[in-house]
Amino acid sequence: MSGSLTSRLGFPQVGEHRRFVTAIGIDAVGSGIWMPVSMIFFLATTDLSLVQVGLALSLASLLSLPAAVVVGQLVDRYGAKNLLQAGNALQALSFLAYPLVDQVWSVALVVAVSVIGRTAFWGSYSPMVTLISPAGEREKWFGFLGAMRNAGFAIGGIVAALALTADATTVYYAVAVLNAASYVLSFALLAGVAVHDGAESRHDHASDVVGGWGTVLRDQGYRWLVLSNFGYAMTSAVLNVAIPVYVIEMLGLPGWVSGAVFVINTLMIGAGQGLVVQRMTGAVRARIVALGAVVTAASLLILWGAGPLGVAAGSAVVLLAAVVYTLGELIAGPVLATIAAESPPAALRGRYLATYQLSWNVATGVAPLLYAWLLDLGSTPAWLSMATIALLGAAATIPMRGRLDHAGRVVTNLAEAPA
């Protein structure tokens, strides 16, 4: 992709970071292959029931919960690149073991290793992006990498669809091995990535110098950021958890409508994220986050409005809501990630971002049960409650802006000159 084209799309110049960008892209393709078959894999390759598989996956999540805190400390001590590679290595090993397990305890064990590896990836991903990208362009970088990951998910999803169509045990085994290979390749590419930053050196006494976890927990501005991101993460789960159930089970619309929502989301992020970030230039970050949350709330109310309509009109309203919903994601996502990455002191960036990532982990655990309960109560309580969650995330940006310096800064989309 030529420099002029990347500039028109609002993407940064990759330059010397091609290996890192390629590694993240390959990781995304592997994840895209695996996500649609993650539950079905164990149903197809073992004698476990649906309830037993669900129990094993829940146990894996519980076993891996403490990993987020540990990863934050390890990033600060050993560096983001090393932890990113460790996450790839753990996931490669776990997926190679997937074809060998057939009991609840063994499934829980290997999936827990995979989840810990994924936690290491996400705990070191933002610190790594912060190290390779210049201040002033980080919204561009987070937006670009997010768009690329969505493209990778789409490519992987096509492969997954072929595997699901074949529905053969050997094909599912091949998917697991292929996913493991993607992590090995990402590991090898990252080995050649050069990181030139003093913050990436080992901070053997960082906790003594700047207070460790106590500093993180006492940071009121960052707490408001985590709360705002929790609202964003909760509404992000609507796409996978609430919309398919609502569209197919409650509205009785054709299955293609639910699929089209995902297609719209993927295409808009892949093609439009850079352009949206460009349009943010000169706007205050906290206001952008609030705007994104308000747009998301509006999309959820539009979905609520599809309830009394017929099939044709209901389908059109759902697709309109998908466009508005994705626009909210495009607006808020890169800015939240940038504020989270730039606000911490360098020596504690791992701990801070582990705390930020915890808002995602909690939302991932809470959203399925909460949204299932709300939808069971009916369309009105479900969508009004979800819209309220989005608006509470917007409200959290008000105190955040006053207490967190980076939240009150404007988006420049221009690299700052090195000091």
Protein backbone atom coordinates (compact mmCIF):
# COMPACT_ATOMS: atom_id res chain seq x y z
CA MET A 1 0.00 0.00 0.00
CA SER A 2 1.57 3.26 -1.08
CA GLY A 3 2.25 6.08 1.34
CA SER A 4 -0.24 8.42 -0.34
CA LEU A 5 -3.00 5.81 -0.18
CA THR A 6 -2.39 5.06 3.52
CA SER A 7 -2.45 8.80 4.19
CA ARG A 8 -5.79 9.22 2.39
CA LEU A 9 -7.25 6.35 4.40
CA GLY A 10 -6.06 7.97 7.64
CA PHE A 11 -3.54 5.22 8.41
CA PRO A 12 0.00 5.82 9.73
CA GLN A 13 3.19 5.09 7.82
CA VAL A 14 4.22 1.58 8.85
CA GLY A 15 7.88 2.06 7.92
CA GLU A 16 10.23 0.04 10.14
CA HIS A 17 7.34 -1.59 11.98
CA ARG A 18 6.28 -3.94 9.17
CA ARG A 19 7.24 -7.06 11.14
CA PHE A 20 5.13 -6.01 14.11
CA VAL A 21 2.14 -5.10 11.93
CA THR A 22 2.43 -8.39 10.03
CA ALA A 23 2.60 -10.36 13.31
CA ILE A 24 -0.56 -8.68 14.59
CA GLY A 25 -2.32 -9.34 11.28
CA ILE A 26 -1.42 -13.05 11.34
CA ASP A 27 -2.58 -13.29 14.95
CA ALA A 28 -5.92 -11.76 13.92
CA VAL A 29 -6.40 -14.28 11.08
CA GLY A 30 -5.74 -17.15 13.50
CA SER A 31 -8.22 -15.71 15.99
CA GLY A 32 -10.78 -15.25 13.23
CA ILE A 33 -10.43 -18.90 12.28
CA TRP A 34 -10.87 -20.08 15.83
CA MET A 35 -13.62 -17.88 17.32
CA PRO A 36 -16.56 -19.30 15.31
CA VAL A 37 -15.58 -22.92 16.09
CA SER A 38 -14.32 -22.55 19.67
CA MET A 39 -17.39 -24.13 21.28
CA ILE A 40 -18.20 -26.54 18.49
CA PHE A 41 -14.64 -27.94 18.44
CA PHE A 42 -15.06 -29.79 21.75
CA LEU A 43 -18.58 -30.93 20.92
CA ALA A 44 -17.32 -32.42 17.65
CA THR A 45 -14.07 -33.96 18.91
CA THR A 46 -15.09 -35.26 22.37
CA ASP A 47 -18.01 -37.08 23.98
CA LEU A 48 -18.72 -34.13 26.29
CA SER A 49 -22.19 -32.62 26.40
CA LEU A 50 -22.94 -28.95 25.81
CA VAL A 51 -23.27 -28.39 29.57
CA GLN A 52 -19.95 -30.11 30.26
CA VAL A 53 -18.16 -28.04 27.61
CA GLY A 54 -19.69 -24.88 29.04
CA LEU A 55 -18.54 -25.93 32.54
CA ALA A 56 -15.01 -26.56 31.27
CA LEU A 57 -14.82 -23.17 29.58
CA SER A 58 -16.16 -21.40 32.68
CA LEU A 59 -13.59 -23.19 34.86
CA ALA A 60 -10.87 -22.09 32.43
CA SER A 61 -11.96 -18.46 32.74
CA LEU A 62 -11.94 -18.67 36.54
CA LEU A 63 -8.50 -20.30 36.60
CA SER A 64 -7.05 -17.57 34.39
CA LEU A 65 -8.55 -14.51 36.15
CA PRO A 66 -5.48 -13.74 38.32
CA ALA A 67 -3.29 -13.67 35.21
CA ALA A 68 -4.20 -10.07 34.35
CA VAL A 69 -2.59 -8.73 37.53
CA VAL A 70 0.53 -10.85 37.07
CA VAL A 71 0.88 -9.86 33.42
CA GLY A 72 0.83 -6.17 34.34
CA GLN A 73 3.77 -6.62 36.70
CA LEU A 74 5.69 -8.77 34.20
CA VAL A 75 5.27 -6.18 31.45
CA ASP A 76 6.77 -3.52 33.72
CA ARG A 77 9.66 -5.80 34.68
CA TYR A 78 10.51 -7.66 31.47
CA GLY A 79 9.05 -5.48 28.71
CA ALA A 80 6.00 -5.59 26.46
CA LYS A 81 7.70 -7.40 23.57
CA ASN A 82 8.80 -10.34 25.75
CA LEU A 83 5.31 -10.74 27.21
CA LEU A 84 3.72 -10.48 23.77
CA GLN A 85 5.94 -13.34 22.59
CA ALA A 86 5.21 -15.33 25.76
CA GLY A 87 1.49 -14.95 25.05
CA ASN A 88 1.98 -16.29 21.52
CA ALA A 89 4.05 -19.22 22.82
CA LEU A 90 1.45 -20.20 25.43
CA GLN A 91 -1.35 -20.09 22.89
CA ALA A 92 0.62 -22.13 20.35
CA LEU A 93 1.31 -24.84 22.96
CA SER A 94 -2.29 -24.92 24.15
CA PHE A 95 -3.75 -25.28 20.66
CA LEU A 96 -1.36 -28.11 19.84
CA ALA A 97 -2.79 -29.88 22.91
CA TYR A 98 -6.45 -29.26 21.99
CA PRO A 99 -6.79 -32.47 19.90
CA LEU A 100 -5.49 -34.51 22.87
CA VAL A 101 -8.10 -33.61 25.50
CA ASP A 102 -11.43 -35.35 26.10
CA GLN A 103 -12.39 -34.74 29.75
CA VAL A 104 -13.83 -31.72 31.53
CA TRP A 105 -10.69 -31.21 33.61
CA SER A 106 -8.31 -31.54 30.65
CA VAL A 107 -10.36 -29.21 28.46
CA ALA A 108 -10.46 -26.66 31.30
CA LEU A 109 -6.68 -26.94 31.74
CA VAL A 110 -5.65 -26.42 28.11
CA VAL A 111 -8.21 -23.66 27.56
CA ALA A 112 -6.96 -21.94 30.73
CA VAL A 113 -3.43 -21.94 29.29
CA SER A 114 -4.82 -20.43 26.09
CA VAL A 115 -6.74 -17.75 27.99
CA ILE A 116 -3.65 -16.89 30.04
CA GLY A 117 -1.72 -16.54 26.78
CA ARG A 118 -4.45 -14.29 25.44
CA THR A 119 -4.34 -12.24 28.61
CA ALA A 120 -0.58 -11.85 28.16
CA PHE A 121 -1.19 -10.72 24.58
CA TRP A 122 -3.73 -8.04 25.47
CA GLY A 123 -1.80 -6.98 28.57
CA SER A 124 1.28 -6.25 26.47
CA TYR A 125 -0.38 -5.19 23.19
CA SER A 126 -1.19 -1.59 24.17
CA PRO A 127 2.20 -0.99 25.85
CA MET A 128 3.88 -2.34 22.70
CA VAL A 129 1.83 -0.09 20.39
CA THR A 130 2.72 2.84 22.65
CA LEU A 131 6.43 2.06 22.30
CA ILE A 132 6.50 1.79 18.52
CA SER A 133 4.19 4.74 17.75
CA PRO A 134 5.01 8.44 18.19
CA ALA A 135 3.00 10.59 20.57
CA GLY A 136 0.38 12.53 18.62
CA GLU A 137 -0.30 9.66 16.21
CA ARG A 138 -1.51 6.99 18.61
CA GLU A 139 -5.18 7.31 17.69
CA LYS A 140 -4.04 6.58 14.14
CA TRP A 141 -2.06 3.54 15.23
CA PHE A 142 -4.73 2.04 17.47
CA GLY A 143 -7.34 2.71 14.79
CA PHE A 144 -5.19 1.22 12.03
CA LEU A 145 -4.35 -1.94 13.98
CA GLY A 146 -8.00 -2.32 15.02
CA ALA A 147 -9.10 -2.06 11.39
CA MET A 148 -6.45 -4.56 10.34
CA ARG A 149 -7.53 -7.00 13.06
CA ASN A 150 -11.11 -6.78 11.82
CA ALA A 151 -9.92 -7.61 8.31
CA GLY A 152 -8.01 -10.56 9.76
CA PHE A 153 -11.10 -11.75 11.61
CA ALA A 154 -13.05 -11.63 8.33
CA ILE A 155 -10.42 -13.70 6.48
CA GLY A 156 -10.27 -16.19 9.33
CA GLY A 157 -14.05 -16.33 9.46
CA ILE A 158 -14.16 -17.50 5.84
CA VAL A 159 -11.81 -20.38 6.67
CA ALA A 160 -13.90 -21.19 9.75
CA ALA A 161 -17.07 -21.26 7.64
CA LEU A 162 -15.45 -23.86 5.37
CA ALA A 163 -14.48 -25.94 8.40
CA LEU A 164 -18.00 -25.76 9.82
CA THR A 165 -19.41 -26.78 6.44
CA ALA A 166 -17.12 -29.81 6.24
CA ASP A 167 -17.97 -30.72 9.88
CA ALA A 168 -15.31 -33.45 10.14
CA THR A 169 -13.15 -34.25 13.15
CA THR A 170 -9.93 -34.14 11.13
CA VAL A 171 -10.86 -30.69 9.81
CA TYR A 172 -11.42 -29.39 13.34
CA TYR A 173 -8.03 -30.80 14.36
CA ALA A 174 -6.48 -29.04 11.37
CA VAL A 175 -8.07 -25.75 12.47
CA ALA A 176 -6.47 -26.09 15.93
CA VAL A 177 -3.05 -26.87 14.42
CA LEU A 178 -3.39 -24.02 11.91
CA ASN A 179 -4.20 -21.62 14.74
CA ALA A 180 -1.13 -22.85 16.65
CA ALA A 181 0.99 -22.26 13.54
CA SER A 182 -0.25 -18.67 13.32
CA TYR A 183 1.01 -18.02 16.86
CA VAL A 184 4.37 -19.60 16.08
CA LEU A 185 4.75 -17.39 13.01
CA SER A 186 3.76 -14.30 15.02
CA PHE A 187 6.33 -15.25 17.68
CA ALA A 188 9.06 -15.51 15.03
CA LEU A 189 8.16 -12.17 13.45
CA LEU A 190 8.15 -10.41 16.82
CA ALA A 191 11.64 -11.75 17.54
CA GLY A 192 12.95 -9.43 14.82
CA VAL A 193 11.10 -6.34 16.09
CA ALA A 194 13.46 -3.71 17.50
CA VAL A 195 12.17 -1.63 20.39
CA HIS A 196 14.13 1.52 21.16
CA ASP A 197 12.75 2.93 24.38
CA GLY A 198 14.13 3.24 27.88
CA ALA A 199 10.77 2.17 29.28
CA GLU A 200 11.28 -1.25 27.74
CA SER A 201 14.28 -1.95 29.93
CA ARG A 202 13.81 -4.03 33.05
CA HIS A 203 12.41 -2.06 35.98
CA ASP A 204 13.73 -4.21 38.80
CA HIS A 205 12.88 -1.58 41.42
CA ALA A 206 10.00 0.22 39.67
CA SER A 207 7.54 -0.48 42.48
CA ASP A 208 9.91 1.09 45.03
CA VAL A 209 10.36 4.19 42.89
CA VAL A 210 6.82 5.06 41.86
CA GLY A 211 4.59 3.15 44.27
CA GLY A 212 3.57 0.07 42.28
CA TRP A 213 -0.07 -0.99 42.46
CA GLY A 214 -0.81 1.62 45.13
CA THR A 215 -0.13 4.38 42.61
CA VAL A 216 -2.49 2.76 40.11
CA LEU A 217 -5.31 2.30 42.59
CA ARG A 218 -5.05 5.86 43.91
CA ASP A 219 -5.25 7.43 40.44
CA GLN A 220 -8.79 8.85 40.42
CA GLY A 221 -8.66 10.01 36.81
CA TYR A 222 -7.63 6.57 35.59
CA ARG A 223 -10.44 4.99 37.62
CA TRP A 224 -12.95 7.14 35.73
CA LEU A 225 -11.31 6.05 32.47
CA VAL A 226 -11.67 2.38 33.45
CA LEU A 227 -15.32 2.99 34.33
CA SER A 228 -15.97 4.73 31.00
CA ASN A 229 -14.27 1.87 29.15
CA PHE A 230 -16.36 -0.63 31.10
CA GLY A 231 -19.45 0.98 29.57
CA TYR A 232 -17.82 0.79 26.14
CA ALA A 233 -16.85 -2.87 26.67
CA MET A 234 -20.34 -3.78 27.86
CA THR A 235 -21.97 -2.25 24.80
CA SER A 236 -19.35 -3.88 22.56
CA ALA A 237 -20.64 -7.24 23.79
CA VAL A 238 -24.09 -6.39 22.42
CA LEU A 239 -22.90 -7.29 18.92
CA ASN A 240 -22.07 -10.90 19.76
CA VAL A 241 -24.44 -11.59 22.64
CA ALA A 242 -27.67 -9.61 22.37
CA ILE A 243 -28.23 -8.74 18.70
CA PRO A 244 -28.29 -12.31 17.29
CA VAL A 245 -30.77 -13.47 19.95
CA TYR A 246 -32.95 -10.38 19.49
CA VAL A 247 -32.96 -10.48 15.69
CA ILE A 248 -33.61 -14.18 15.24
CA GLU A 249 -35.45 -15.33 18.38
CA MET A 250 -37.42 -12.21 19.40
CA LEU A 251 -38.07 -10.43 16.10
CA GLY A 252 -38.25 -13.59 14.00
CA LEU A 253 -36.23 -12.02 11.18
CA PRO A 254 -34.31 -14.11 8.62
CA GLY A 255 -30.88 -15.39 9.67
CA TRP A 256 -29.16 -13.33 6.97
CA VAL A 257 -30.11 -10.13 8.84
CA SER A 258 -28.04 -11.17 11.86
CA GLY A 259 -25.15 -12.12 9.56
CA ALA A 260 -25.43 -8.80 7.72
CA VAL A 261 -24.98 -6.93 11.02
CA PHE A 262 -21.55 -8.54 11.44
CA VAL A 263 -20.62 -7.87 7.82
CA ILE A 264 -21.56 -4.18 8.17
CA ASN A 265 -19.55 -3.91 11.39
CA THR A 266 -16.45 -5.54 9.90
CA LEU A 267 -16.50 -3.62 6.61
CA MET A 268 -17.12 -0.24 8.24
CA ILE A 269 -14.26 -0.67 10.71
CA GLY A 270 -11.88 -2.00 8.08
CA ALA A 271 -12.58 0.75 5.56
CA GLY A 272 -13.60 3.66 7.73
CA GLN A 273 -11.59 3.65 10.95
CA GLY A 274 -8.72 5.74 9.59
CA LEU A 275 -11.07 8.26 8.00
CA VAL A 276 -12.99 8.68 11.25
CA VAL A 277 -9.76 9.23 13.20
CA GLN A 278 -8.73 11.89 10.67
CA ARG A 279 -12.01 13.75 11.26
CA MET A 280 -11.25 13.82 15.01
CA THR A 281 -8.31 16.19 14.52
CA GLY A 282 -8.60 19.15 16.91
CA ALA A 283 -11.35 17.60 19.07
CA VAL A 284 -10.94 16.99 22.82
CA ARG A 285 -10.48 13.30 23.54
CA ALA A 286 -12.96 13.07 26.43
CA ARG A 287 -15.64 14.68 24.28
CA ILE A 288 -14.99 12.19 21.48
CA VAL A 289 -15.42 9.27 23.89
CA ALA A 290 -18.68 10.78 25.18
CA LEU A 291 -19.93 11.30 21.63
CA GLY A 292 -19.16 7.69 20.74
CA ALA A 293 -21.10 6.46 23.77
CA VAL A 294 -24.10 8.67 22.93
CA VAL A 295 -24.10 7.41 19.32
CA THR A 296 -24.00 3.82 20.62
CA ALA A 297 -26.93 4.53 22.95
CA ALA A 298 -28.87 5.91 19.98
CA SER A 299 -28.21 2.72 17.99
CA LEU A 300 -29.58 0.59 20.84
CA LEU A 301 -32.76 2.68 20.93
CA ILE A 302 -33.09 2.23 17.16
CA LEU A 303 -32.89 -1.55 17.69
CA TRP A 304 -35.65 -1.24 20.28
CA GLY A 305 -37.75 0.54 17.66
CA ALA A 306 -37.59 -2.48 15.35
CA GLY A 307 -39.81 -4.48 17.71
CA PRO A 308 -43.33 -3.64 16.44
CA LEU A 309 -42.39 -3.59 12.73
CA GLY A 310 -42.87 -6.19 10.04
CA VAL A 311 -40.12 -8.29 8.49
CA ALA A 312 -39.10 -5.84 5.74
CA ALA A 313 -39.24 -2.68 7.86
CA GLY A 314 -37.77 -4.45 10.89
CA SER A 315 -34.84 -5.73 8.83
CA ALA A 316 -34.16 -2.23 7.47
CA VAL A 317 -34.23 -0.71 10.97
CA VAL A 318 -31.86 -3.37 12.33
CA LEU A 319 -29.38 -2.73 9.52
CA LEU A 320 -29.63 1.03 10.11
CA ALA A 321 -28.95 0.41 13.80
CA ALA A 322 -25.89 -1.67 12.83
CA VAL A 323 -24.47 1.30 10.91
CA VAL A 324 -25.05 3.70 13.81
CA TYR A 325 -23.73 1.15 16.34
CA THR A 326 -20.50 0.68 14.36
CA LEU A 327 -20.08 4.43 14.05
CA GLY A 328 -20.10 4.69 17.86
CA GLU A 329 -17.41 2.01 17.99
CA LEU A 330 -15.33 3.81 15.36
CA ILE A 331 -15.50 7.07 17.29
CA ALA A 332 -14.71 5.94 20.84
CA GLY A 333 -12.43 2.89 20.48
CA PRO A 334 -9.08 4.35 19.33
CA VAL A 335 -9.35 7.34 21.67
CA LEU A 336 -10.05 5.24 24.76
CA ALA A 337 -7.07 3.02 23.93
CA THR A 338 -4.82 6.06 23.42
CA ILE A 339 -5.80 7.73 26.70
CA ALA A 340 -5.24 4.43 28.53
CA ALA A 341 -1.80 3.94 26.97
CA GLU A 342 -0.46 7.48 27.27
CA SER A 343 -1.67 8.41 30.75
CA PRO A 344 0.45 6.05 32.92
CA PRO A 345 4.08 6.68 33.91
CA ALA A 346 6.32 4.50 31.71
CA ALA A 347 7.57 2.37 34.59
CA LEU A 348 4.00 1.39 35.56
CA ARG A 349 2.42 1.20 32.13
CA GLY A 350 1.95 -2.56 32.39
CA ARG A 351 0.11 -2.35 35.70
CA TYR A 352 -2.08 0.53 34.55
CA LEU A 353 -3.03 -1.19 31.31
CA ALA A 354 -3.69 -4.44 33.16
CA THR A 355 -6.22 -2.51 35.26
CA TYR A 356 -7.72 -1.07 32.07
CA GLN A 357 -7.86 -4.54 30.51
CA LEU A 358 -9.66 -5.82 33.60
CA SER A 359 -12.67 -3.71 32.59
CA TRP A 360 -12.82 -5.76 29.38
CA ASN A 361 -12.45 -9.05 31.27
CA VAL A 362 -15.24 -8.20 33.71
CA ALA A 363 -17.54 -7.04 30.89
CA THR A 364 -16.89 -10.26 28.97
CA GLY A 365 -17.93 -12.26 32.02
CA VAL A 366 -20.93 -10.14 33.03
CA ALA A 367 -22.52 -9.28 29.67
CA PRO A 368 -23.76 -12.75 28.54
CA LEU A 369 -25.65 -13.46 31.75
CA LEU A 370 -26.95 -9.89 32.18
CA TYR A 371 -28.11 -9.53 28.58
CA ALA A 372 -29.75 -12.95 28.55
CA TRP A 373 -31.68 -11.98 31.69
CA LEU A 374 -32.68 -8.58 30.29
CA LEU A 375 -33.84 -10.04 26.97
CA ASP A 376 -35.86 -12.61 28.88
CA LEU A 377 -37.65 -9.69 30.60
CA GLY A 378 -38.57 -8.24 27.20
CA SER A 379 -37.43 -5.84 24.51
CA THR A 380 -38.15 -2.60 26.37
CA PRO A 381 -36.23 -3.29 29.60
CA ALA A 382 -33.40 -4.87 27.61
CA TRP A 383 -32.65 -2.04 25.19
CA LEU A 384 -33.38 0.79 27.63
CA SER A 385 -30.99 -0.80 30.14
CA MET A 386 -28.26 -1.28 27.53
CA ALA A 387 -28.66 2.31 26.34
CA THR A 388 -28.37 3.47 29.96
CA ILE A 389 -25.09 1.57 30.33
CA ALA A 390 -23.75 3.40 27.27
CA LEU A 391 -24.84 6.78 28.66
CA LEU A 392 -23.24 6.04 32.04
CA GLY A 393 -19.99 5.44 30.15
CA ALA A 394 -20.45 8.87 28.56
CA ALA A 395 -21.14 10.47 31.95
CA ALA A 396 -17.89 9.05 33.34
CA THR A 397 -15.93 11.17 30.85
CA ILE A 398 -16.92 14.38 32.67
CA PRO A 399 -14.89 13.76 35.86
CA MET A 400 -12.30 11.86 33.80
CA ARG A 401 -11.48 14.95 31.77
CA GLY A 402 -10.92 17.05 34.89
CA ARG A 403 -8.69 14.48 36.60
CA LEU A 404 -6.77 12.90 33.72
CA ASP A 405 -4.50 15.20 31.72
CA HIS A 406 -4.47 13.14 28.53
CA ALA A 407 -8.27 12.98 28.45
CA GLY A 408 -8.42 16.77 28.13
CA ARG A 409 -5.96 16.97 25.25
CA VAL A 410 -6.95 17.26 21.62
CA VAL A 411 -6.35 14.72 18.88
CA THR A 412 -3.55 16.00 16.63
CA ASN A 413 -2.84 13.07 14.28
CA LEU A 414 0.66 14.55 13.96
CA ALA A 415 3.74 12.92 15.41
CA GLU A 416 5.33 15.03 18.12
CA ALA A 417 8.98 15.92 17.66
CA PRO A 418 11.22 13.89 19.99
CA ALA A 419 12.48 15.79 23.02
